[in-house]
Amino acid sequence: MVTQLTITNPTETNLSEAQKKFNATLAELQKQQQALIVWQQTHEHCQNETMAKYEPLWRDYTAERIKLALVLDDHLTHHKFNKQQVNKLNECLIQLCQTLITQSDDPELAALHARYCSTNTSSAAEWDVMRAQMDELFGTDNHNADNFADDFMTKQQHNKQEKTKKAAKQSTKLAEETNSALQSLQQIYRQLVASLHPDREPDAHERERKTQLMQTVTVAYEQKDLFKLLELQLAESTNRPDMTTVADAQLKNYTQLLTQQIKQCKAEVNDIQMRYKAMLGIAAYHQLTPKRLTQLLKEDTRQLTAQLKQTRSDRQAFERDVEYLKTWLKYIDIQPEY
């Protein structure tokens, strides 16, 4: 449809700036809509894969680490270890409990967390001493500091007032342009309603078709979807648009509405991307493509499967033989990997 909506003029070599801008914006909108469709499909695929594979694995992994913590606690309680081994076991249990307590409400885990992690918090008295030391170092009684703060606040207030005035002017101009663009949208909507209103259709089958089309028109109008309305007008209306005859002023209104749709598409794509970046621990400024997201999900699932297998194997070996646990403690770093 974009090729049909795109303005071409075979009798004139040059298009006006408004026509060129309309064509470019139309092409960009199609590009962003396609990108959004790909992201929505990828999001649905990843959700299905997560529910079917990753979440069950994660639940099993959490349960297995809780079992591991209970085994380590049992051995620490009922067997002898040297000082280094005790320190390592304590560190392992602290790390495990601190991680798992946010992932499970298991009562046995809560008891372990209370036992091993309560000594890891600072007392209120220690915090009071620290605050007093900070106040002594960075107190605000200094007269020069007060003057500096007053001057700074005055300048900030002045700058804020200037920005407010500028923003008000820009807002007024934008409101006028938006109102004009919405009038153009309303004009197309009214033309479609006049052409497609089902009550004016005597044929029952055609009346049903137009009823469905009118629902589509209404949704497009409510969403300010100019692109969809123009498509419908081109396909269904008796007053089909000849884009080459549309005045530049009208085209500018169309371009503004299309630009808003582009921003909306980008915002929806960005929302999906940011959610997955947060889940995967990816910095906001790093690029994430649908293909890369699918690869990362597969890799995370593979890694989680391996972690679950290794944790279960270690836990079972520790249960059978405390000497195996002591050997394991000899070779691991004090920071556990679970």
C-alpha atoms as a PDB file:
ATOM      1  CA  MET A   1       0.000   0.000   0.000  1.00  0.00           C
ATOM      2  CA  VAL A   2       2.903   2.340   0.596  1.00  0.00           C
ATOM      3  CA  THR A   3       3.762   2.290  -3.082  1.00  0.00           C
ATOM      4  CA  GLN A   4       0.186   3.364  -3.874  1.00  0.00           C
ATOM      5  CA  LEU A   5       0.175   6.058  -1.211  1.00  0.00           C
ATOM      6  CA  THR A   6       3.603   7.318  -2.186  1.00  0.00           C
ATOM      7  CA  ILE A   7       3.391  10.495  -4.255  1.00  0.00           C
ATOM      8  CA  THR A   8       4.658  10.174  -7.814  1.00  0.00           C
ATOM      9  CA  ASN A   9       4.276  12.750 -10.543  1.00  0.00           C
ATOM     10  CA  PRO A  10       5.236  11.507 -14.020  1.00  0.00           C
ATOM     11  CA  THR A  11       4.605  14.890 -15.630  1.00  0.00           C
ATOM     12  CA  GLU A  12       6.952  16.771 -13.330  1.00  0.00           C
ATOM     13  CA  THR A  13      10.505  15.814 -12.485  1.00  0.00           C
ATOM     14  CA  ASN A  14      10.570  17.499  -9.103  1.00  0.00           C
ATOM     15  CA  LEU A  15       8.285  16.976  -6.137  1.00  0.00           C
ATOM     16  CA  SER A  16       7.695  19.729  -3.586  1.00  0.00           C
ATOM     17  CA  GLU A  17       9.500  19.598  -0.242  1.00  0.00           C
ATOM     18  CA  ALA A  18       6.212  18.685   1.478  1.00  0.00           C
ATOM     19  CA  GLN A  19       5.681  15.796  -0.961  1.00  0.00           C
ATOM     20  CA  LYS A  20       9.235  14.521  -0.502  1.00  0.00           C
ATOM     21  CA  LYS A  21       8.870  14.739   3.288  1.00  0.00           C
ATOM     22  CA  PHE A  22       5.568  12.863   3.133  1.00  0.00           C
ATOM     23  CA  ASN A  23       7.101  10.088   1.012  1.00  0.00           C
ATOM     24  CA  ALA A  24      10.128   9.754   3.289  1.00  0.00           C
ATOM     25  CA  THR A  25       7.982   9.683   6.432  1.00  0.00           C
ATOM     26  CA  LEU A  26       5.653   7.120   4.883  1.00  0.00           C
ATOM     27  CA  ALA A  27       8.602   4.855   4.045  1.00  0.00           C
ATOM     28  CA  GLU A  28      10.048   5.253   7.548  1.00  0.00           C
ATOM     29  CA  LEU A  29       6.709   4.358   9.117  1.00  0.00           C
ATOM     30  CA  GLN A  30       6.509   1.161   7.087  1.00  0.00           C
ATOM     31  CA  LYS A  31      10.040   0.288   8.212  1.00  0.00           C
ATOM     32  CA  GLN A  32       9.231   0.898  11.893  1.00  0.00           C
ATOM     33  CA  GLN A  33       5.945  -1.005  11.687  1.00  0.00           C
ATOM     34  CA  GLN A  34       7.762  -4.001  10.244  1.00  0.00           C
ATOM     35  CA  ALA A  35      10.390  -3.779  12.994  1.00  0.00           C
ATOM     36  CA  LEU A  36       7.625  -3.716  15.611  1.00  0.00           C
ATOM     37  CA  ILE A  37       5.956  -6.783  14.099  1.00  0.00           C
ATOM     38  CA  VAL A  38       9.254  -8.705  14.217  1.00  0.00           C
ATOM     39  CA  TRP A  39       9.820  -7.701  17.865  1.00  0.00           C
ATOM     40  CA  GLN A  40       6.265  -8.649  18.838  1.00  0.00           C
ATOM     41  CA  GLN A  41       6.676 -12.065  17.209  1.00  0.00           C
ATOM     42  CA  THR A  42      10.046 -12.543  18.918  1.00  0.00           C
ATOM     43  CA  HIS A  43       8.565 -11.487  22.258  1.00  0.00           C
ATOM     44  CA  GLU A  44       5.763 -14.030  21.920  1.00  0.00           C
ATOM     45  CA  HIS A  45       8.244 -16.757  20.950  1.00  0.00           C
ATOM     46  CA  CYS A  46      10.518 -15.962  23.902  1.00  0.00           C
ATOM     47  CA  GLN A  47       7.587 -15.917  26.312  1.00  0.00           C
ATOM     48  CA  ASN A  48       6.497 -19.361  25.130  1.00  0.00           C
ATOM     49  CA  GLU A  49      10.044 -20.729  25.349  1.00  0.00           C
ATOM     50  CA  THR A  50      10.503 -19.239  28.814  1.00  0.00           C
ATOM     51  CA  MET A  51       7.284 -20.744  30.153  1.00  0.00           C
ATOM     52  CA  ALA A  52       7.880 -24.126  28.543  1.00  0.00           C
ATOM     53  CA  LYS A  53      11.608 -24.564  29.244  1.00  0.00           C
ATOM     54  CA  TYR A  54      13.372 -21.869  31.244  1.00  0.00           C
ATOM     55  CA  GLU A  55      10.952 -21.373  34.145  1.00  0.00           C
ATOM     56  CA  PRO A  56      10.669 -25.110  34.978  1.00  0.00           C
ATOM     57  CA  LEU A  57      14.470 -25.353  34.873  1.00  0.00           C
ATOM     58  CA  TRP A  58      14.794 -22.313  37.139  1.00  0.00           C
ATOM     59  CA  ARG A  59      12.347 -23.760  39.677  1.00  0.00           C
ATOM     60  CA  ASP A  60      14.300 -27.032  39.743  1.00  0.00           C
ATOM     61  CA  TYR A  61      17.589 -25.148  40.064  1.00  0.00           C
ATOM     62  CA  THR A  62      16.270 -23.107  42.987  1.00  0.00           C
ATOM     63  CA  ALA A  63      14.983 -26.230  44.736  1.00  0.00           C
ATOM     64  CA  GLU A  64      18.295 -28.012  44.170  1.00  0.00           C
ATOM     65  CA  ARG A  65      20.302 -25.140  45.655  1.00  0.00           C
ATOM     66  CA  ILE A  66      18.057 -25.140  48.725  1.00  0.00           C
ATOM     67  CA  LYS A  67      18.755 -28.874  49.130  1.00  0.00           C
ATOM     68  CA  LEU A  68      22.466 -28.133  48.755  1.00  0.00           C
ATOM     69  CA  ALA A  69      22.335 -25.478  51.463  1.00  0.00           C
ATOM     70  CA  LEU A  70      20.565 -27.887  53.822  1.00  0.00           C
ATOM     71  CA  VAL A  71      23.199 -30.579  53.155  1.00  0.00           C
ATOM     72  CA  LEU A  72      26.053 -28.149  53.835  1.00  0.00           C
ATOM     73  CA  ASP A  73      24.367 -26.990  57.029  1.00  0.00           C
ATOM     74  CA  ASP A  74      23.816 -30.579  58.187  1.00  0.00           C
ATOM     75  CA  HIS A  75      27.471 -31.508  57.624  1.00  0.00           C
ATOM     76  CA  LEU A  76      28.678 -28.328  59.321  1.00  0.00           C
ATOM     77  CA  THR A  77      26.511 -29.168  62.327  1.00  0.00           C
ATOM     78  CA  HIS A  78      27.348 -32.873  62.667  1.00  0.00           C
ATOM     79  CA  HIS A  79      30.923 -33.246  61.387  1.00  0.00           C
ATOM     80  CA  LYS A  80      34.332 -31.854  62.241  1.00  0.00           C
ATOM     81  CA  PHE A  81      36.048 -29.394  59.915  1.00  0.00           C
ATOM     82  CA  ASN A  82      39.209 -27.340  60.252  1.00  0.00           C
ATOM     83  CA  LYS A  83      39.019 -23.543  60.526  1.00  0.00           C
ATOM     84  CA  GLN A  84      39.551 -22.907  56.804  1.00  0.00           C
ATOM     85  CA  GLN A  85      36.865 -25.421  55.886  1.00  0.00           C
ATOM     86  CA  VAL A  86      34.425 -23.876  58.358  1.00  0.00           C
ATOM     87  CA  ASN A  87      35.051 -20.415  56.926  1.00  0.00           C
ATOM     88  CA  LYS A  88      34.452 -21.642  53.396  1.00  0.00           C
ATOM     89  CA  LEU A  89      31.287 -23.492  54.356  1.00  0.00           C
ATOM     90  CA  ASN A  90      29.981 -20.427  56.176  1.00  0.00           C
ATOM     91  CA  GLU A  91      30.729 -18.250  53.161  1.00  0.00           C
ATOM     92  CA  CYS A  92      28.998 -20.708  50.841  1.00  0.00           C
ATOM     93  CA  LEU A  93      25.920 -20.807  53.049  1.00  0.00           C
ATOM     94  CA  ILE A  94      25.801 -17.012  53.384  1.00  0.00           C
ATOM     95  CA  GLN A  95      26.005 -16.551  49.626  1.00  0.00           C
ATOM     96  CA  LEU A  96      23.448 -19.257  48.923  1.00  0.00           C
ATOM     97  CA  CYS A  97      20.982 -17.966  51.506  1.00  0.00           C
ATOM     98  CA  GLN A  98      21.288 -14.335  50.417  1.00  0.00           C
ATOM     99  CA  THR A  99      20.613 -15.326  46.811  1.00  0.00           C
ATOM    100  CA  LEU A 100      17.828 -17.817  47.440  1.00  0.00           C
ATOM    101  CA  ILE A 101      15.853 -15.868  50.052  1.00  0.00           C
ATOM    102  CA  THR A 102      14.600 -13.528  47.286  1.00  0.00           C
ATOM    103  CA  GLN A 103      13.574 -16.483  45.110  1.00  0.00           C
ATOM    104  CA  SER A 104      11.797 -18.808  47.534  1.00  0.00           C
ATOM    105  CA  ASP A 105       9.631 -18.695  50.652  1.00  0.00           C
ATOM    106  CA  ASP A 106      10.780 -22.144  51.795  1.00  0.00           C
ATOM    107  CA  PRO A 107      10.625 -22.160  55.647  1.00  0.00           C
ATOM    108  CA  GLU A 108      13.819 -24.206  56.020  1.00  0.00           C
ATOM    109  CA  LEU A 109      15.640 -21.708  53.818  1.00  0.00           C
ATOM    110  CA  ALA A 110      14.283 -18.837  55.934  1.00  0.00           C
ATOM    111  CA  ALA A 111      15.677 -20.502  59.057  1.00  0.00           C
ATOM    112  CA  LEU A 112      19.080 -20.927  57.441  1.00  0.00           C
ATOM    113  CA  HIS A 113      19.064 -17.311  56.284  1.00  0.00           C
ATOM    114  CA  ALA A 114      18.283 -16.106  59.803  1.00  0.00           C
ATOM    115  CA  ARG A 115      21.090 -18.231  61.231  1.00  0.00           C
ATOM    116  CA  TYR A 116      23.885 -17.457  58.771  1.00  0.00           C
ATOM    117  CA  CYS A 117      23.066 -13.982  57.504  1.00  0.00           C
ATOM    118  CA  SER A 118      21.922 -12.168  60.645  1.00  0.00           C
ATOM    119  CA  THR A 119      25.536 -11.568  61.678  1.00  0.00           C
ATOM    120  CA  ASN A 120      26.168  -9.935  58.323  1.00  0.00           C
ATOM    121  CA  THR A 121      24.100  -6.807  59.072  1.00  0.00           C
ATOM    122  CA  SER A 122      25.319  -3.729  60.855  1.00  0.00           C
ATOM    123  CA  SER A 123      23.643  -2.723  64.087  1.00  0.00           C
ATOM    124  CA  ALA A 124      21.680   0.486  64.427  1.00  0.00           C
ATOM    125  CA  ALA A 125      24.325   1.837  66.802  1.00  0.00           C
ATOM    126  CA  GLU A 126      27.042   1.311  64.190  1.00  0.00           C
ATOM    127  CA  TRP A 127      24.995   3.215  61.632  1.00  0.00           C
ATOM    128  CA  ASP A 128      24.445   6.069  64.112  1.00  0.00           C
ATOM    129  CA  VAL A 129      28.205   6.350  64.652  1.00  0.00           C
ATOM    130  CA  MET A 130      28.804   6.360  60.902  1.00  0.00           C
ATOM    131  CA  ARG A 131      26.207   9.075  60.344  1.00  0.00           C
ATOM    132  CA  ALA A 132      27.746  11.193  63.087  1.00  0.00           C
ATOM    133  CA  GLN A 133      31.155  10.891  61.462  1.00  0.00           C
ATOM    134  CA  MET A 134      29.692  11.910  58.079  1.00  0.00           C
ATOM    135  CA  ASP A 135      27.999  14.927  59.655  1.00  0.00           C
ATOM    136  CA  GLU A 136      31.283  15.965  61.272  1.00  0.00           C
ATOM    137  CA  LEU A 137      33.144  15.710  57.978  1.00  0.00           C
ATOM    138  CA  PHE A 138      30.488  17.277  55.735  1.00  0.00           C
ATOM    139  CA  GLY A 139      28.520  19.556  58.068  1.00  0.00           C
ATOM    140  CA  THR A 140      26.477  22.414  56.563  1.00  0.00           C
ATOM    141  CA  ASP A 141      27.090  25.081  59.220  1.00  0.00           C
ATOM    142  CA  ASN A 142      29.677  26.882  57.167  1.00  0.00           C
ATOM    143  CA  HIS A 143      28.525  30.401  56.187  1.00  0.00           C
ATOM    144  CA  ASN A 144      30.225  30.288  52.787  1.00  0.00           C
ATOM    145  CA  ALA A 145      28.531  27.008  51.980  1.00  0.00           C
ATOM    146  CA  ASP A 146      25.150  28.590  52.722  1.00  0.00           C
ATOM    147  CA  ASN A 147      25.888  31.556  50.453  1.00  0.00           C
ATOM    148  CA  PHE A 148      27.009  29.268  47.675  1.00  0.00           C
ATOM    149  CA  ALA A 149      23.831  27.218  48.003  1.00  0.00           C
ATOM    150  CA  ASP A 150      21.649  30.349  47.892  1.00  0.00           C
ATOM    151  CA  ASP A 151      23.389  31.652  44.765  1.00  0.00           C
ATOM    152  CA  PHE A 152      23.133  28.288  43.114  1.00  0.00           C
ATOM    153  CA  MET A 153      19.410  28.002  43.854  1.00  0.00           C
ATOM    154  CA  THR A 154      18.753  31.531  42.532  1.00  0.00           C
ATOM    155  CA  LYS A 155      20.487  30.753  39.244  1.00  0.00           C
ATOM    156  CA  GLN A 156      18.660  27.458  38.976  1.00  0.00           C
ATOM    157  CA  GLN A 157      15.309  29.163  39.498  1.00  0.00           C
ATOM    158  CA  HIS A 158      16.087  31.798  36.846  1.00  0.00           C
ATOM    159  CA  ASN A 159      17.131  29.152  34.338  1.00  0.00           C
ATOM    160  CA  LYS A 160      13.989  27.194  35.102  1.00  0.00           C
ATOM    161  CA  GLN A 161      11.783  30.239  34.448  1.00  0.00           C
ATOM    162  CA  GLU A 162      13.489  30.895  31.094  1.00  0.00           C
ATOM    163  CA  LYS A 163      13.069  27.265  30.073  1.00  0.00           C
ATOM    164  CA  THR A 164       9.411  27.373  31.114  1.00  0.00           C
ATOM    165  CA  LYS A 165       8.738  30.424  28.895  1.00  0.00           C
ATOM    166  CA  LYS A 166      10.461  28.778  25.926  1.00  0.00           C
ATOM    167  CA  ALA A 167       8.616  25.520  26.499  1.00  0.00           C
ATOM    168  CA  ALA A 168       5.282  27.391  26.677  1.00  0.00           C
ATOM    169  CA  LYS A 169       5.867  28.984  23.254  1.00  0.00           C
ATOM    170  CA  GLN A 170       6.842  25.647  21.749  1.00  0.00           C
ATOM    171  CA  SER A 171       3.822  24.002  23.361  1.00  0.00           C
ATOM    172  CA  THR A 172       1.445  26.604  21.868  1.00  0.00           C
ATOM    173  CA  LYS A 173       2.901  26.115  18.395  1.00  0.00           C
ATOM    174  CA  LEU A 174       2.752  22.342  18.733  1.00  0.00           C
ATOM    175  CA  ALA A 175      -0.864  22.509  19.921  1.00  0.00           C
ATOM    176  CA  GLU A 176      -1.844  24.533  16.861  1.00  0.00           C
ATOM    177  CA  GLU A 177      -0.091  22.100  14.513  1.00  0.00           C
ATOM    178  CA  THR A 178      -1.609  19.120  16.286  1.00  0.00           C
ATOM    179  CA  ASN A 179      -5.109  20.583  16.092  1.00  0.00           C
ATOM    180  CA  SER A 180      -4.712  21.154  12.361  1.00  0.00           C
ATOM    181  CA  ALA A 181      -3.436  17.593  11.878  1.00  0.00           C
ATOM    182  CA  LEU A 182      -6.344  16.140  13.847  1.00  0.00           C
ATOM    183  CA  GLN A 183      -8.789  18.062  11.666  1.00  0.00           C
ATOM    184  CA  SER A 184      -7.232  16.387   8.623  1.00  0.00           C
ATOM    185  CA  LEU A 185      -7.599  13.009  10.308  1.00  0.00           C
ATOM    186  CA  GLN A 186     -11.223  13.748  11.142  1.00  0.00           C
ATOM    187  CA  GLN A 187     -11.923  14.691   7.536  1.00  0.00           C
ATOM    188  CA  ILE A 188     -10.702  11.306   6.281  1.00  0.00           C
ATOM    189  CA  TYR A 189     -12.675   9.545   9.010  1.00  0.00           C
ATOM    190  CA  ARG A 190     -15.911  11.306   8.019  1.00  0.00           C
ATOM    191  CA  GLN A 191     -15.394  10.425   4.357  1.00  0.00           C
ATOM    192  CA  LEU A 192     -14.938   6.761   5.264  1.00  0.00           C
ATOM    193  CA  VAL A 193     -17.992   6.762   7.527  1.00  0.00           C
ATOM    194  CA  ALA A 194     -20.087   8.261   4.736  1.00  0.00           C
ATOM    195  CA  SER A 195     -18.830   5.630   2.298  1.00  0.00           C
ATOM    196  CA  LEU A 196     -18.917   2.551   4.553  1.00  0.00           C
ATOM    197  CA  HIS A 197     -21.831   3.105   6.915  1.00  0.00           C
ATOM    198  CA  PRO A 198     -23.599  -0.307   7.040  1.00  0.00           C
ATOM    199  CA  ASP A 199     -27.080   1.131   7.616  1.00  0.00           C
ATOM    200  CA  ARG A 200     -27.075   2.437   4.052  1.00  0.00           C
ATOM    201  CA  GLU A 201     -26.285  -0.968   2.549  1.00  0.00           C
ATOM    202  CA  PRO A 202     -29.314  -3.062   1.412  1.00  0.00           C
ATOM    203  CA  ASP A 203     -27.351  -6.279   0.771  1.00  0.00           C
ATOM    204  CA  ALA A 204     -27.046  -8.343   3.979  1.00  0.00           C
ATOM    205  CA  HIS A 205     -23.639  -9.822   3.143  1.00  0.00           C
ATOM    206  CA  GLU A 206     -22.182  -6.470   2.177  1.00  0.00           C
ATOM    207  CA  ARG A 207     -23.749  -4.878   5.269  1.00  0.00           C
ATOM    208  CA  GLU A 208     -21.938  -7.391   7.488  1.00  0.00           C
ATOM    209  CA  ARG A 209     -18.648  -6.684   5.705  1.00  0.00           C
ATOM    210  CA  LYS A 210     -19.058  -2.945   6.101  1.00  0.00           C
ATOM    211  CA  THR A 211     -19.950  -3.373   9.771  1.00  0.00           C
ATOM    212  CA  GLN A 212     -16.579  -5.040  10.335  1.00  0.00           C
ATOM    213  CA  LEU A 213     -14.831  -2.390   8.263  1.00  0.00           C
ATOM    214  CA  MET A 214     -16.474   0.372  10.288  1.00  0.00           C
ATOM    215  CA  GLN A 215     -15.097  -1.199  13.460  1.00  0.00           C
ATOM    216  CA  THR A 216     -11.622  -1.121  11.908  1.00  0.00           C
ATOM    217  CA  VAL A 217     -12.122   2.510  10.866  1.00  0.00           C
ATOM    218  CA  THR A 218     -13.242   3.506  14.357  1.00  0.00           C
ATOM    219  CA  VAL A 219     -10.252   1.819  16.018  1.00  0.00           C
ATOM    220  CA  ALA A 220      -7.838   3.443  13.544  1.00  0.00           C
ATOM    221  CA  TYR A 221      -9.400   6.856  14.168  1.00  0.00           C
ATOM    222  CA  GLU A 222      -9.230   6.464  17.962  1.00  0.00           C
ATOM    223  CA  GLN A 223      -5.560   5.461  17.665  1.00  0.00           C
ATOM    224  CA  LYS A 224      -4.864   8.356  15.260  1.00  0.00           C
ATOM    225  CA  ASP A 225      -3.635   5.792  12.738  1.00  0.00           C
ATOM    226  CA  LEU A 226      -3.531   7.906   9.568  1.00  0.00           C
ATOM    227  CA  PHE A 227      -1.716   5.204   7.644  1.00  0.00           C
ATOM    228  CA  LYS A 228      -4.529   2.689   8.214  1.00  0.00           C
ATOM    229  CA  LEU A 229      -7.221   5.234   7.380  1.00  0.00           C
ATOM    230  CA  LEU A 230      -5.502   6.149   4.125  1.00  0.00           C
ATOM    231  CA  GLU A 231      -5.205   2.454   3.268  1.00  0.00           C
ATOM    232  CA  LEU A 232      -8.901   1.954   3.901  1.00  0.00           C
ATOM    233  CA  GLN A 233      -9.783   5.059   1.948  1.00  0.00           C
ATOM    234  CA  LEU A 234      -7.694   3.835  -0.964  1.00  0.00           C
ATOM    235  CA  ALA A 235      -9.252   0.361  -0.875  1.00  0.00           C
ATOM    236  CA  GLU A 236     -12.879   1.078   0.028  1.00  0.00           C
ATOM    237  CA  SER A 237     -13.924   4.680  -0.342  1.00  0.00           C
ATOM    238  CA  THR A 238     -15.642   6.044  -3.428  1.00  0.00           C
ATOM    239  CA  ASN A 239     -13.545   9.173  -2.850  1.00  0.00           C
ATOM    240  CA  ARG A 240     -10.174   7.518  -3.280  1.00  0.00           C
ATOM    241  CA  PRO A 241      -7.258   9.820  -2.476  1.00  0.00           C
ATOM    242  CA  ASP A 242      -5.140  11.173  -5.293  1.00  0.00           C
ATOM    243  CA  MET A 243      -2.035  12.053  -3.306  1.00  0.00           C
ATOM    244  CA  THR A 244      -0.590  14.141  -6.132  1.00  0.00           C
ATOM    245  CA  THR A 245      -3.443  16.646  -5.772  1.00  0.00           C
ATOM    246  CA  VAL A 246      -3.218  17.033  -1.992  1.00  0.00           C
ATOM    247  CA  ALA A 247      -2.106  20.518  -1.018  1.00  0.00           C
ATOM    248  CA  ASP A 248       1.261  20.943   0.723  1.00  0.00           C
ATOM    249  CA  ALA A 249      -0.409  22.309   3.859  1.00  0.00           C
ATOM    250  CA  GLN A 250      -2.519  19.148   4.099  1.00  0.00           C
ATOM    251  CA  LEU A 251       0.513  16.962   3.428  1.00  0.00           C
ATOM    252  CA  LYS A 252       2.313  18.622   6.329  1.00  0.00           C
ATOM    253  CA  ASN A 253      -0.585  17.627   8.571  1.00  0.00           C
ATOM    254  CA  TYR A 254      -0.408  14.073   7.265  1.00  0.00           C
ATOM    255  CA  THR A 255       3.344  13.996   7.809  1.00  0.00           C
ATOM    256  CA  GLN A 256       2.937  15.136  11.412  1.00  0.00           C
ATOM    257  CA  LEU A 257       0.447  12.357  12.120  1.00  0.00           C
ATOM    258  CA  LEU A 258       2.698   9.771  10.467  1.00  0.00           C
ATOM    259  CA  THR A 259       5.641  11.048  12.521  1.00  0.00           C
ATOM    260  CA  GLN A 260       3.635  10.498  15.697  1.00  0.00           C
ATOM    261  CA  GLN A 261       2.942   6.930  14.589  1.00  0.00           C
ATOM    262  CA  ILE A 262       6.663   6.399  14.000  1.00  0.00           C
ATOM    263  CA  LYS A 263       7.415   7.600  17.533  1.00  0.00           C
ATOM    264  CA  GLN A 264       4.775   5.265  18.920  1.00  0.00           C
ATOM    265  CA  CYS A 265       6.233   2.280  17.048  1.00  0.00           C
ATOM    266  CA  LYS A 266       9.729   3.107  18.306  1.00  0.00           C
ATOM    267  CA  ALA A 267       8.457   3.488  21.861  1.00  0.00           C
ATOM    268  CA  GLU A 268       6.786   0.057  21.736  1.00  0.00           C
ATOM    269  CA  VAL A 269       9.949  -1.544  20.366  1.00  0.00           C
ATOM    270  CA  ASN A 270      12.051   0.205  23.005  1.00  0.00           C
ATOM    271  CA  ASP A 271       9.711  -1.009  25.754  1.00  0.00           C
ATOM    272  CA  ILE A 272      10.152  -4.634  24.662  1.00  0.00           C
ATOM    273  CA  GLN A 273      13.927  -4.210  24.338  1.00  0.00           C
ATOM    274  CA  MET A 274      14.346  -2.574  27.759  1.00  0.00           C
ATOM    275  CA  ARG A 275      12.381  -5.319  29.509  1.00  0.00           C
ATOM    276  CA  TYR A 276      14.633  -7.994  28.050  1.00  0.00           C
ATOM    277  CA  LYS A 277      17.790  -5.983  28.680  1.00  0.00           C
ATOM    278  CA  ALA A 278      16.818  -5.701  32.346  1.00  0.00           C
ATOM    279  CA  MET A 279      16.089  -9.443  32.525  1.00  0.00           C
ATOM    280  CA  LEU A 280      19.367 -10.395  30.850  1.00  0.00           C
ATOM    281  CA  GLY A 281      21.554  -7.792  32.581  1.00  0.00           C
ATOM    282  CA  ILE A 282      22.379  -5.972  29.344  1.00  0.00           C
ATOM    283  CA  ALA A 283      23.294  -2.282  29.522  1.00  0.00           C
ATOM    284  CA  ALA A 284      20.577   0.014  28.155  1.00  0.00           C
ATOM    285  CA  TYR A 285      22.928   1.507  25.561  1.00  0.00           C
ATOM    286  CA  HIS A 286      23.906  -1.871  24.087  1.00  0.00           C
ATOM    287  CA  GLN A 287      22.151  -2.954  20.923  1.00  0.00           C
ATOM    288  CA  LEU A 288      19.759  -5.894  21.128  1.00  0.00           C
ATOM    289  CA  THR A 289      18.223  -7.426  18.011  1.00  0.00           C
ATOM    290  CA  PRO A 290      15.456 -10.055  17.829  1.00  0.00           C
ATOM    291  CA  LYS A 291      17.952 -12.605  16.500  1.00  0.00           C
ATOM    292  CA  ARG A 292      20.398 -11.863  19.327  1.00  0.00           C
ATOM    293  CA  LEU A 293      17.635 -12.122  21.931  1.00  0.00           C
ATOM    294  CA  THR A 294      16.646 -15.566  20.664  1.00  0.00           C
ATOM    295  CA  GLN A 295      20.292 -16.680  20.762  1.00  0.00           C
ATOM    296  CA  LEU A 296      20.725 -15.366  24.321  1.00  0.00           C
ATOM    297  CA  LEU A 297      17.624 -17.201  25.520  1.00  0.00           C
ATOM    298  CA  LYS A 298      18.899 -20.467  24.034  1.00  0.00           C
ATOM    299  CA  GLU A 299      22.320 -19.929  25.605  1.00  0.00           C
ATOM    300  CA  ASP A 300      20.847 -19.090  29.011  1.00  0.00           C
ATOM    301  CA  THR A 301      18.675 -22.211  28.879  1.00  0.00           C
ATOM    302  CA  ARG A 302      21.686 -24.349  27.966  1.00  0.00           C
ATOM    303  CA  GLN A 303      23.774 -22.859  30.778  1.00  0.00           C
ATOM    304  CA  LEU A 304      20.982 -23.270  33.322  1.00  0.00           C
ATOM    305  CA  THR A 305      20.580 -26.915  32.339  1.00  0.00           C
ATOM    306  CA  ALA A 306      24.316 -27.475  32.915  1.00  0.00           C
ATOM    307  CA  GLN A 307      24.244 -25.611  36.254  1.00  0.00           C
ATOM    308  CA  LEU A 308      21.297 -27.673  37.464  1.00  0.00           C
ATOM    309  CA  LYS A 309      23.030 -30.911  36.486  1.00  0.00           C
ATOM    310  CA  GLN A 310      26.288 -29.912  38.225  1.00  0.00           C
ATOM    311  CA  THR A 311      24.573 -28.694  41.394  1.00  0.00           C
ATOM    312  CA  ARG A 312      22.518 -31.876  41.689  1.00  0.00           C
ATOM    313  CA  SER A 313      25.635 -34.007  41.148  1.00  0.00           C
ATOM    314  CA  ASP A 314      27.591 -32.102  43.826  1.00  0.00           C
ATOM    315  CA  ARG A 315      24.731 -32.224  46.322  1.00  0.00           C
ATOM    316  CA  GLN A 316      24.300 -35.972  45.895  1.00  0.00           C
ATOM    317  CA  ALA A 317      28.059 -36.554  46.256  1.00  0.00           C
ATOM    318  CA  PHE A 318      28.188 -34.419  49.450  1.00  0.00           C
ATOM    319  CA  GLU A 319      25.272 -36.365  50.941  1.00  0.00           C
ATOM    320  CA  ARG A 320      27.023 -39.695  50.355  1.00  0.00           C
ATOM    321  CA  ASP A 321      30.502 -38.768  51.541  1.00  0.00           C
ATOM    322  CA  VAL A 322      31.600 -35.937  53.825  1.00  0.00           C
ATOM    323  CA  GLU A 323      35.213 -36.583  52.813  1.00  0.00           C
ATOM    324  CA  TYR A 324      34.292 -35.700  49.238  1.00  0.00           C
ATOM    325  CA  LEU A 325      32.962 -32.399  50.567  1.00  0.00           C
ATOM    326  CA  LYS A 326      36.225 -31.718  52.378  1.00  0.00           C
ATOM    327  CA  THR A 327      38.182 -32.429  49.194  1.00  0.00           C
ATOM    328  CA  TRP A 328      35.865 -30.122  47.262  1.00  0.00           C
ATOM    329  CA  LEU A 329      36.429 -27.342  49.797  1.00  0.00           C
ATOM    330  CA  LYS A 330      40.177 -27.649  49.336  1.00  0.00           C
ATOM    331  CA  TYR A 331      40.025 -26.721  45.671  1.00  0.00           C
ATOM    332  CA  ILE A 332      37.258 -24.149  45.459  1.00  0.00           C
ATOM    333  CA  ASP A 333      37.650 -20.433  45.887  1.00  0.00           C
ATOM    334  CA  ILE A 334      35.984 -18.915  48.949  1.00  0.00           C
ATOM    335  CA  GLN A 335      33.357 -17.350  46.643  1.00  0.00           C
ATOM    336  CA  PRO A 336      30.926 -20.153  45.692  1.00  0.00           C
ATOM    337  CA  GLU A 337      29.662 -20.432  42.146  1.00  0.00           C
ATOM    338  CA  TYR A 338      26.115 -21.410  43.021  1.00  0.00           C
END
